[in-house]
């Protein structure tokens, strides 16, 4: 499913389905601390019913399945959902290929609705009343994010500069530690209960870091096959020059917990 949003990448089209194979291999990278933050505040566990928006390849449901929540994952991309089903074999997780704007579950279905790495992609005017309706009384909207920090990490900065060389429209560059952006309409239905932003270190090899960058929106989801091949050849050569066999990349994690009013 091709997406065009004038607020993202200057309106350059992208399609997560084009990078699903790499996404499934290289985007399951959240460290345990990322999941611990969720469990410590009592969410996504113990038979709570959870809807994961923009689930991608099901990274969040798969990694949190062991805590006892009952998960449903949705994503606009059929390719992403296919990968999620394969990777979730033997887990009782339901997946549906549907946009966030078209999700339609009964009133008061969910204890928690999660959105990890995806909340800014949605039409908030459309989805917020619907999320409110589908959440149980005192239900929770949980928004999650993790990103590398190019100004604190030379390898991340060099990789980011190469992405911009091939895709100058990419608007995902230049991250710094900051709270997750919450649009004003959310506060008409939800109250911020808690937020946190914290540093993380994520370990990679040259292969897995190359795969992580290749599967980002600015490369695998938006460039032509030839452009991706040229970028990858240059990126691998760059990593051979500047990166050891294994290394840690500076990231930060962010969490926002919003309660249904």
Protein backbone atom coordinates (compact mmCIF):
# COMPACT_ATOMS: atom_id res chain seq x y z
CA UNK A 1 0.00 0.00 0.00
CA UNK A 2 1.63 3.23 -1.18
CA UNK A 3 1.37 6.14 1.23
CA UNK A 4 1.69 9.81 0.33
CA UNK A 5 1.64 12.36 3.15
CA UNK A 6 2.76 15.93 2.50
CA UNK A 7 4.01 16.16 6.10
CA UNK A 8 6.36 13.19 5.62
CA UNK A 9 9.33 13.16 3.22
CA UNK A 10 7.95 16.20 1.37
CA UNK A 11 5.17 14.03 0.00
CA UNK A 12 7.46 11.38 -1.54
CA UNK A 13 5.55 8.09 -1.77
CA UNK A 14 6.60 5.12 0.37
CA UNK A 15 5.34 1.57 0.82
CA UNK A 16 6.36 -0.51 3.83
CA UNK A 17 5.35 -3.66 1.96
CA UNK A 18 8.36 -3.22 -0.33
CA UNK A 19 10.73 -3.72 2.58
CA UNK A 20 8.84 -6.38 4.56
CA UNK A 21 11.43 -9.12 4.10
CA UNK A 22 14.25 -6.92 5.40
CA UNK A 23 11.94 -5.46 8.04
CA UNK A 24 11.26 -8.94 9.41
CA UNK A 25 14.99 -9.68 9.64
CA UNK A 26 16.39 -6.40 10.90
CA UNK A 27 13.76 -4.38 12.75
CA UNK A 28 13.20 -6.63 15.77
CA UNK A 29 15.82 -4.70 17.75
CA UNK A 30 14.19 -3.19 20.84
CA UNK A 31 16.28 -3.99 23.93
CA UNK A 32 14.67 -5.56 26.99
CA UNK A 33 14.59 -2.19 28.77
CA UNK A 34 12.11 -0.97 26.14
CA UNK A 35 9.66 -3.73 27.09
CA UNK A 36 10.41 -3.46 30.81
CA UNK A 37 9.15 0.14 30.78
CA UNK A 38 5.75 -1.10 29.59
CA UNK A 39 5.49 -3.92 32.11
CA UNK A 40 6.60 -1.71 35.00
CA UNK A 41 3.55 0.51 34.50
CA UNK A 42 1.25 -2.49 34.41
CA UNK A 43 0.35 -2.56 30.72
CA UNK A 44 0.15 -5.29 28.04
CA UNK A 45 0.06 -8.21 30.48
CA UNK A 46 -2.18 -10.57 32.47
CA UNK A 47 -5.06 -11.14 30.02
CA UNK A 48 -5.40 -7.49 29.07
CA UNK A 49 -6.86 -7.22 25.57
CA UNK A 50 -4.55 -5.15 23.37
CA UNK A 51 -4.83 -3.70 19.86
CA UNK A 52 -1.49 -2.88 18.22
CA UNK A 53 -1.86 -0.28 15.47
CA UNK A 54 0.68 -0.24 12.65
CA UNK A 55 1.99 -3.56 13.90
CA UNK A 56 4.32 -4.08 10.95
CA UNK A 57 5.80 -7.56 11.28
CA UNK A 58 4.29 -7.92 14.75
CA UNK A 59 7.40 -6.94 16.70
CA UNK A 60 5.53 -5.61 19.74
CA UNK A 61 2.92 -8.41 20.08
CA UNK A 62 5.50 -11.14 19.49
CA UNK A 63 7.97 -9.85 22.07
CA UNK A 64 5.33 -9.09 24.69
CA UNK A 65 3.26 -12.23 24.15
CA UNK A 66 5.04 -13.96 27.05
CA UNK A 67 3.58 -11.47 29.53
CA UNK A 68 0.07 -12.85 29.09
CA UNK A 69 -1.74 -10.14 27.11
CA UNK A 70 -4.25 -11.04 24.39
CA UNK A 71 -3.05 -9.30 21.22
CA UNK A 72 -4.57 -8.18 17.93
CA UNK A 73 -2.28 -6.50 15.38
CA UNK A 74 -3.31 -4.37 12.41
CA UNK A 75 -1.32 -2.79 9.61
CA UNK A 76 -2.11 -1.11 6.30
CA UNK A 77 0.39 -3.37 4.47
CA UNK A 78 -0.64 -6.90 3.52
CA UNK A 79 3.03 -7.85 3.10
CA UNK A 80 3.83 -6.74 6.64
CA UNK A 81 0.89 -8.73 8.02
CA UNK A 82 1.99 -11.84 6.09
CA UNK A 83 5.42 -11.60 7.72
CA UNK A 84 3.81 -11.03 11.13
CA UNK A 85 1.77 -14.22 10.76
CA UNK A 86 4.83 -16.25 9.76
CA UNK A 87 6.91 -14.92 12.66
CA UNK A 88 4.06 -15.42 15.15
CA UNK A 89 3.56 -19.10 14.39
CA UNK A 90 2.33 -20.97 17.48
CA UNK A 91 1.29 -17.70 19.14
CA UNK A 92 -2.40 -16.91 19.54
CA UNK A 93 -2.21 -13.47 17.92
CA UNK A 94 -4.75 -12.25 15.37
CA UNK A 95 -3.53 -10.02 12.54
CA UNK A 96 -5.53 -7.97 10.05
CA UNK A 97 -4.44 -5.97 7.01
CA UNK A 98 -6.43 -2.77 7.52
CA UNK A 99 -5.58 0.90 7.84
CA UNK A 100 -5.87 2.51 11.26
CA UNK A 101 -8.61 4.76 9.88
CA UNK A 102 -10.77 1.76 8.93
CA UNK A 103 -10.47 -0.40 12.05
CA UNK A 104 -13.88 -1.31 13.43
CA UNK A 105 -14.10 -3.37 16.61
CA UNK A 106 -17.04 -3.17 19.05
CA UNK A 107 -17.27 -0.53 21.77
CA UNK A 108 -15.29 -1.21 24.96
CA UNK A 109 -13.23 -4.04 23.45
CA UNK A 110 -9.67 -3.16 24.47
CA UNK A 111 -7.83 -2.48 27.71
CA UNK A 112 -4.87 -1.00 25.81
CA UNK A 113 -4.30 0.32 22.30
CA UNK A 114 -0.63 0.58 21.31
CA UNK A 115 1.10 2.48 18.51
CA UNK A 116 4.84 1.83 18.17
CA UNK A 117 6.88 3.83 15.63
CA UNK A 118 3.75 4.77 13.69
CA UNK A 119 1.48 7.26 15.45
CA UNK A 120 2.35 10.22 13.20
CA UNK A 121 1.27 8.33 10.06
CA UNK A 122 -2.41 8.32 10.99
CA UNK A 123 -5.28 10.72 10.33
CA UNK A 124 -5.82 11.67 13.96
CA UNK A 125 -9.11 13.46 13.36
CA UNK A 126 -10.52 10.15 12.13
CA UNK A 127 -8.93 7.65 14.46
CA UNK A 128 -9.05 9.31 17.89
CA UNK A 129 -12.84 9.16 18.36
CA UNK A 130 -12.75 5.55 17.16
CA UNK A 131 -9.92 4.55 19.49
CA UNK A 132 -11.78 6.18 22.35
CA UNK A 133 -14.91 4.19 21.47
CA UNK A 134 -13.09 0.86 21.27
CA UNK A 135 -11.26 1.28 24.59
CA UNK A 136 -12.86 0.11 27.80
CA UNK A 137 -13.59 2.67 30.54
CA UNK A 138 -10.25 3.83 31.97
CA UNK A 139 -8.53 2.25 28.97
CA UNK A 140 -5.05 3.30 27.87
CA UNK A 141 -3.56 4.65 24.66
CA UNK A 142 0.13 3.70 24.73
CA UNK A 143 2.46 5.39 22.23
CA UNK A 144 6.03 4.13 21.84
CA UNK A 145 9.10 5.20 19.91
CA UNK A 146 12.80 4.43 19.52
CA UNK A 147 15.35 6.17 17.28
CA UNK A 148 19.08 6.41 16.77
CA UNK A 149 20.86 9.63 17.74
CA UNK A 150 23.05 10.90 14.88
CA UNK A 151 24.52 13.82 16.82
CA UNK A 152 25.75 11.45 19.52
CA UNK A 153 26.90 8.56 17.36
CA UNK A 154 29.36 8.87 14.45
CA UNK A 155 28.31 5.63 12.73
CA UNK A 156 24.64 6.61 12.87
CA UNK A 157 25.47 10.07 11.56
CA UNK A 158 27.47 8.72 8.62
CA UNK A 159 24.72 6.27 7.69
CA UNK A 160 22.10 8.98 7.94
CA UNK A 161 24.09 11.29 5.67
CA UNK A 162 24.24 8.53 3.07
CA UNK A 163 20.46 8.04 3.24
CA UNK A 164 20.04 11.76 2.58
CA UNK A 165 22.44 11.58 -0.36
CA UNK A 166 20.11 9.11 -2.09
CA UNK A 167 16.85 10.48 -0.72
CA UNK A 168 17.12 14.18 0.22
CA UNK A 169 13.34 14.25 0.81
CA UNK A 170 13.64 11.87 3.76
CA UNK A 171 12.40 13.69 6.87
CA UNK A 172 13.52 11.09 9.41
CA UNK A 173 16.96 12.59 9.96
CA UNK A 174 18.35 14.60 12.85
CA UNK A 175 16.66 12.96 15.83
CA UNK A 176 17.33 14.23 19.35
CA UNK A 177 15.87 13.07 22.65
CA UNK A 178 12.42 14.61 23.09
CA UNK A 179 8.90 13.66 24.22
CA UNK A 180 6.64 11.97 21.71
CA UNK A 181 4.56 14.47 19.75
CA UNK A 182 0.89 14.24 20.68
CA UNK A 183 -1.60 16.16 18.49
CA UNK A 184 -4.07 18.44 20.25
CA UNK A 185 -7.10 16.36 19.28
CA UNK A 186 -5.87 13.52 21.48
CA UNK A 187 -6.31 15.65 24.59
CA UNK A 188 -10.02 16.04 23.85
CA UNK A 189 -10.47 12.34 24.64
CA UNK A 190 -7.39 11.38 26.66
CA UNK A 191 -5.30 12.69 29.54
CA UNK A 192 -1.52 12.29 29.69
CA UNK A 193 -0.76 10.08 32.67
CA UNK A 194 2.95 9.48 32.20
CA UNK A 195 5.78 9.96 29.75
CA UNK A 196 9.48 9.18 29.74
CA UNK A 197 12.44 9.60 27.40
CA UNK A 198 15.59 7.63 28.10
CA UNK A 199 18.91 6.72 26.42
CA UNK A 200 19.52 3.24 25.03
CA UNK A 201 22.38 1.35 23.46
CA UNK A 202 21.53 -1.16 20.73
CA UNK A 203 24.11 -3.68 19.53
CA UNK A 204 24.63 -4.38 15.82
CA UNK A 205 27.00 -6.08 13.41
CA UNK A 206 27.86 -4.40 10.14
CA UNK A 207 25.34 -6.70 8.44
CA UNK A 208 22.48 -6.02 10.84
CA UNK A 209 23.08 -2.25 10.89
CA UNK A 210 23.11 -2.19 7.10
CA UNK A 211 19.83 -4.12 7.18
CA UNK A 212 18.35 -1.76 9.75
CA UNK A 213 19.08 1.29 7.61
CA UNK A 214 18.07 -0.45 4.38
CA UNK A 215 14.65 -1.25 5.88
CA UNK A 216 13.98 2.36 6.90
CA UNK A 217 11.42 4.53 5.15
CA UNK A 218 14.06 6.59 3.38
CA UNK A 219 15.62 3.62 1.57
CA UNK A 220 13.78 0.30 1.25
CA UNK A 221 10.27 1.71 1.43
CA UNK A 222 10.73 4.49 -1.12
CA UNK A 223 13.69 4.06 -3.52
CA UNK A 224 13.86 2.05 -6.75
CA UNK A 225 15.60 -1.32 -6.81
CA UNK A 226 18.59 0.17 -8.62
CA UNK A 227 18.85 3.07 -6.17
CA UNK A 228 18.68 0.66 -3.24
CA UNK A 229 21.42 -1.50 -4.76
CA UNK A 230 23.70 1.49 -5.31
CA UNK A 231 23.03 2.80 -1.81
CA UNK A 232 23.70 -0.60 -0.26
CA UNK A 233 27.02 -1.05 -2.05
CA UNK A 234 28.14 2.36 -0.84
CA UNK A 235 26.84 1.82 2.68
CA UNK A 236 28.59 -1.53 3.07
CA UNK A 237 31.85 0.02 1.92
CA UNK A 238 31.33 2.88 4.38
CA UNK A 239 30.77 0.48 7.28
CA UNK A 240 33.86 -1.51 6.36
CA UNK A 241 35.83 1.74 6.72
CA UNK A 242 34.31 3.18 9.89
CA UNK A 243 32.71 0.37 11.92
CA UNK A 244 34.15 -2.64 13.78
CA UNK A 245 32.63 -6.09 13.37
CA UNK A 246 30.21 -5.42 16.24
CA UNK A 247 29.29 -2.12 17.83
CA UNK A 248 26.61 -0.27 19.78
CA UNK A 249 24.54 2.56 18.33
CA UNK A 250 23.22 5.30 20.62
CA UNK A 251 19.42 5.45 20.60
CA UNK A 252 16.69 6.79 22.81
CA UNK A 253 13.36 5.30 23.78
CA UNK A 254 10.19 7.25 24.49
CA UNK A 255 6.86 6.28 25.99
CA UNK A 256 3.59 8.17 26.41
CA UNK A 257 0.71 6.78 28.46
CA UNK A 258 -2.68 8.46 27.88
CA UNK A 259 -5.80 7.51 29.81
CA UNK A 260 -9.30 7.60 28.41
CA UNK A 261 -11.19 10.49 30.00
